Amino acid sequence: MRARPSMASERSCKIAGSSLYINNDLRITFRRTIRVPDNGQELLLPPDLGKFSPREVSDHANKFLEDVAEKGGIFMSMYR
């Protein structure tokens, strides 16, 4: 039986283009869409309006609060 990795183990996370790669096993992309009503009806998928582009906090540290910049991570710029 194969042992499962600990949740506390380090994970590698990198950005390539508009995708986020976790441990080189999982690719995640975030898509822009329109809001879908939460009314219990089955609806078709909303139109795809493009991809969000994840960015490294460290590349924009001067735009964040000091504690956020120190923690690091990834962010995506979203606006309405």
N, C-alpha and C. Protein backbone atom coordinates (compact mmCIF):
# COMPACT_ATOMS: atom_id res chain seq x y z
N MET A 1 0.85 -1.18 0.00
CA MET A 1 0.00 0.00 0.00
C MET A 1 0.90 1.24 0.00
N ARG A 2 0.58 2.17 -0.84
CA ARG A 2 1.37 3.40 -0.97
C ARG A 2 0.97 4.40 0.11
N ALA A 3 1.96 4.97 0.77
CA ALA A 3 1.69 5.95 1.84
C ALA A 3 1.26 7.27 1.23
N ARG A 4 0.28 7.89 1.84
CA ARG A 4 -0.18 9.21 1.39
C ARG A 4 0.74 10.28 1.96
N PRO A 5 1.04 11.32 1.17
CA PRO A 5 1.89 12.38 1.70
C PRO A 5 1.19 13.14 2.82
N SER A 6 1.97 13.62 3.74
CA SER A 6 1.45 14.41 4.85
C SER A 6 0.91 15.73 4.33
N MET A 7 -0.17 16.22 4.93
CA MET A 7 -0.72 17.53 4.54
C MET A 7 0.27 18.64 4.86
N ALA A 8 1.16 18.39 5.81
CA ALA A 8 2.13 19.42 6.20
C ALA A 8 3.35 19.43 5.29
N SER A 9 3.47 18.45 4.39
CA SER A 9 4.65 18.40 3.52
C SER A 9 4.65 19.59 2.56
N GLU A 10 5.84 19.95 2.14
CA GLU A 10 5.99 21.08 1.22
C GLU A 10 5.44 20.72 -0.15
N ARG A 11 4.77 21.65 -0.76
CA ARG A 11 4.27 21.49 -2.11
C ARG A 11 4.97 22.51 -2.99
N SER A 12 5.29 22.09 -4.21
CA SER A 12 5.86 23.07 -5.13
C SER A 12 4.71 23.70 -5.90
N CYS A 13 4.80 24.96 -6.10
CA CYS A 13 3.76 25.71 -6.80
C CYS A 13 4.46 26.69 -7.72
N LYS A 14 4.15 26.61 -9.02
CA LYS A 14 4.77 27.56 -9.95
C LYS A 14 3.73 28.05 -10.94
N ILE A 15 4.02 29.21 -11.49
CA ILE A 15 3.15 29.83 -12.49
C ILE A 15 3.83 29.71 -13.84
N ALA A 16 3.08 29.28 -14.83
CA ALA A 16 3.56 29.25 -16.21
C ALA A 16 2.43 29.77 -17.09
N GLY A 17 2.63 30.94 -17.68
CA GLY A 17 1.56 31.55 -18.46
C GLY A 17 0.41 31.92 -17.56
N SER A 18 -0.79 31.44 -17.89
CA SER A 18 -1.95 31.72 -17.05
C SER A 18 -2.36 30.50 -16.23
N SER A 19 -1.45 29.56 -16.06
CA SER A 19 -1.74 28.34 -15.30
C SER A 19 -0.91 28.28 -14.03
N LEU A 20 -1.46 27.61 -13.06
CA LEU A 20 -0.80 27.37 -11.78
C LEU A 20 -0.53 25.87 -11.72
N TYR A 21 0.72 25.48 -11.48
CA TYR A 21 1.10 24.07 -11.42
C TYR A 21 1.45 23.70 -9.98
N ILE A 22 0.84 22.63 -9.48
CA ILE A 22 1.09 22.14 -8.14
C ILE A 22 1.83 20.80 -8.27
N ASN A 23 3.04 20.74 -7.72
CA ASN A 23 3.86 19.52 -7.75
C ASN A 23 4.02 18.94 -9.15
N ASN A 24 3.92 19.74 -10.17
CA ASN A 24 4.01 19.30 -11.57
C ASN A 24 3.00 18.21 -11.91
N ASP A 25 1.99 18.00 -11.05
CA ASP A 25 0.97 16.98 -11.29
C ASP A 25 -0.38 17.60 -11.62
N LEU A 26 -0.62 18.77 -11.12
CA LEU A 26 -1.94 19.39 -11.24
C LEU A 26 -1.81 20.77 -11.86
N ARG A 27 -2.57 21.00 -12.93
CA ARG A 27 -2.59 22.33 -13.57
C ARG A 27 -3.95 22.96 -13.30
N ILE A 28 -3.94 24.19 -12.81
CA ILE A 28 -5.17 24.90 -12.49
C ILE A 28 -5.21 26.19 -13.30
N THR A 29 -6.34 26.44 -13.94
CA THR A 29 -6.56 27.73 -14.58
C THR A 29 -7.86 28.30 -14.02
N PHE A 30 -7.94 29.61 -13.95
CA PHE A 30 -9.12 30.31 -13.45
C PHE A 30 -9.72 31.09 -14.61
N ARG A 31 -11.01 30.86 -14.88
CA ARG A 31 -11.68 31.44 -16.04
C ARG A 31 -12.63 32.56 -15.62
N ARG A 32 -12.68 33.59 -16.44
CA ARG A 32 -13.65 34.68 -16.26
C ARG A 32 -14.97 34.25 -16.90
N THR A 33 -16.07 34.48 -16.19
CA THR A 33 -17.40 34.18 -16.73
C THR A 33 -18.36 35.24 -16.22
N ILE A 34 -19.59 35.15 -16.65
CA ILE A 34 -20.61 36.04 -16.11
C ILE A 34 -21.22 35.38 -14.88
N ARG A 35 -21.91 36.16 -14.09
CA ARG A 35 -22.57 35.63 -12.90
C ARG A 35 -23.77 34.79 -13.32
N VAL A 36 -23.95 33.65 -12.66
CA VAL A 36 -25.07 32.76 -12.95
C VAL A 36 -26.04 32.84 -11.78
N PRO A 37 -27.34 33.01 -12.05
CA PRO A 37 -28.30 33.11 -10.95
C PRO A 37 -28.34 31.83 -10.11
N ASP A 38 -28.48 31.99 -8.82
CA ASP A 38 -28.59 30.86 -7.90
C ASP A 38 -30.07 30.65 -7.59
N ASN A 39 -30.80 30.14 -8.58
CA ASN A 39 -32.25 30.01 -8.43
C ASN A 39 -32.73 28.57 -8.53
N GLY A 40 -31.81 27.60 -8.47
CA GLY A 40 -32.20 26.20 -8.50
C GLY A 40 -32.45 25.64 -9.88
N GLN A 41 -32.43 26.47 -10.91
CA GLN A 41 -32.64 25.99 -12.28
C GLN A 41 -31.34 25.45 -12.86
N GLU A 42 -31.46 24.44 -13.74
CA GLU A 42 -30.29 23.96 -14.46
C GLU A 42 -30.07 24.88 -15.65
N LEU A 43 -28.86 25.39 -15.75
CA LEU A 43 -28.52 26.33 -16.82
C LEU A 43 -27.31 25.81 -17.59
N LEU A 44 -27.15 26.28 -18.81
CA LEU A 44 -25.95 25.97 -19.58
C LEU A 44 -24.76 26.68 -18.95
N LEU A 45 -23.56 26.21 -19.26
CA LEU A 45 -22.37 26.89 -18.77
C LEU A 45 -22.34 28.32 -19.30
N PRO A 46 -21.90 29.27 -18.50
CA PRO A 46 -21.82 30.66 -18.97
C PRO A 46 -20.69 30.80 -19.99
N PRO A 47 -20.71 31.87 -20.78
CA PRO A 47 -19.65 32.06 -21.77
C PRO A 47 -18.29 32.26 -21.10
N ASP A 48 -17.27 31.81 -21.78
CA ASP A 48 -15.89 31.96 -21.32
C ASP A 48 -15.39 33.33 -21.76
N LEU A 49 -14.99 34.15 -20.80
CA LEU A 49 -14.52 35.50 -21.11
C LEU A 49 -13.01 35.64 -20.95
N GLY A 50 -12.30 34.50 -20.97
CA GLY A 50 -10.84 34.55 -20.88
C GLY A 50 -10.34 34.02 -19.55
N LYS A 51 -9.03 34.07 -19.40
CA LYS A 51 -8.38 33.53 -18.21
C LYS A 51 -7.94 34.63 -17.26
N PHE A 52 -7.97 34.33 -15.96
CA PHE A 52 -7.30 35.17 -14.98
C PHE A 52 -5.82 34.80 -15.03
N SER A 53 -4.97 35.75 -14.78
CA SER A 53 -3.53 35.51 -14.78
C SER A 53 -2.99 35.56 -13.36
N PRO A 54 -2.63 34.39 -12.80
CA PRO A 54 -2.04 34.40 -11.45
C PRO A 54 -0.68 35.07 -11.47
N ARG A 55 -0.33 35.74 -10.38
CA ARG A 55 0.95 36.45 -10.25
C ARG A 55 1.57 36.12 -8.90
N GLU A 56 2.88 36.20 -8.84
CA GLU A 56 3.62 35.99 -7.58
C GLU A 56 3.54 37.27 -6.74
N VAL A 57 3.21 37.14 -5.47
CA VAL A 57 3.19 38.29 -4.56
C VAL A 57 4.57 38.93 -4.52
N SER A 58 5.62 38.12 -4.51
CA SER A 58 6.99 38.65 -4.41
C SER A 58 7.35 39.58 -5.57
N ASP A 59 6.73 39.39 -6.73
CA ASP A 59 7.00 40.26 -7.88
C ASP A 59 6.35 41.63 -7.74
N HIS A 60 5.40 41.75 -6.81
CA HIS A 60 4.65 43.00 -6.62
C HIS A 60 4.61 43.37 -5.13
N ALA A 61 5.64 42.99 -4.38
CA ALA A 61 5.65 43.15 -2.92
C ALA A 61 5.41 44.59 -2.48
N ASN A 62 5.86 45.56 -3.25
CA ASN A 62 5.70 46.97 -2.85
C ASN A 62 4.24 47.43 -2.90
N LYS A 63 3.35 46.64 -3.48
CA LYS A 63 1.93 47.01 -3.58
C LYS A 63 1.08 46.36 -2.49
N PHE A 64 1.70 45.54 -1.63
CA PHE A 64 0.98 44.83 -0.58
C PHE A 64 1.39 45.33 0.79
N LEU A 65 0.53 45.07 1.78
CA LEU A 65 0.92 45.33 3.17
C LEU A 65 2.13 44.47 3.49
N GLU A 66 2.95 44.93 4.42
CA GLU A 66 4.20 44.26 4.73
C GLU A 66 4.01 42.79 5.12
N ASP A 67 3.01 42.51 5.98
CA ASP A 67 2.82 41.12 6.41
C ASP A 67 2.37 40.21 5.26
N VAL A 68 1.61 40.74 4.32
CA VAL A 68 1.20 39.96 3.15
C VAL A 68 2.42 39.70 2.26
N ALA A 69 3.22 40.73 2.04
CA ALA A 69 4.42 40.58 1.21
C ALA A 69 5.39 39.57 1.81
N GLU A 70 5.52 39.57 3.14
CA GLU A 70 6.42 38.62 3.80
C GLU A 70 5.92 37.19 3.67
N LYS A 71 4.61 37.00 3.76
CA LYS A 71 4.05 35.65 3.65
C LYS A 71 4.19 35.12 2.23
N GLY A 72 4.03 36.00 1.24
CA GLY A 72 4.18 35.59 -0.15
C GLY A 72 2.96 34.84 -0.66
N GLY A 73 3.14 34.15 -1.76
CA GLY A 73 2.05 33.38 -2.35
C GLY A 73 1.72 33.87 -3.74
N ILE A 74 0.49 33.61 -4.12
CA ILE A 74 0.02 33.93 -5.47
C ILE A 74 -1.26 34.74 -5.34
N PHE A 75 -1.46 35.68 -6.25
CA PHE A 75 -2.70 36.46 -6.26
C PHE A 75 -3.18 36.62 -7.70
N MET A 76 -4.44 37.00 -7.83
CA MET A 76 -5.02 37.32 -9.14
C MET A 76 -5.75 38.64 -9.01
N SER A 77 -5.53 39.51 -9.94
CA SER A 77 -6.21 40.79 -9.94
C SER A 77 -7.61 40.60 -10.52
N MET A 78 -8.63 41.00 -9.74
CA MET A 78 -10.02 40.91 -10.20
C MET A 78 -10.70 42.25 -9.93
N TYR A 79 -11.55 42.64 -10.82
CA TYR A 79 -12.32 43.86 -10.63
C TYR A 79 -13.62 43.73 -11.37
N ARG A 80 -14.59 44.60 -11.01
CA ARG A 80 -15.90 44.55 -11.67
C ARG A 80 -15.99 45.65 -12.69
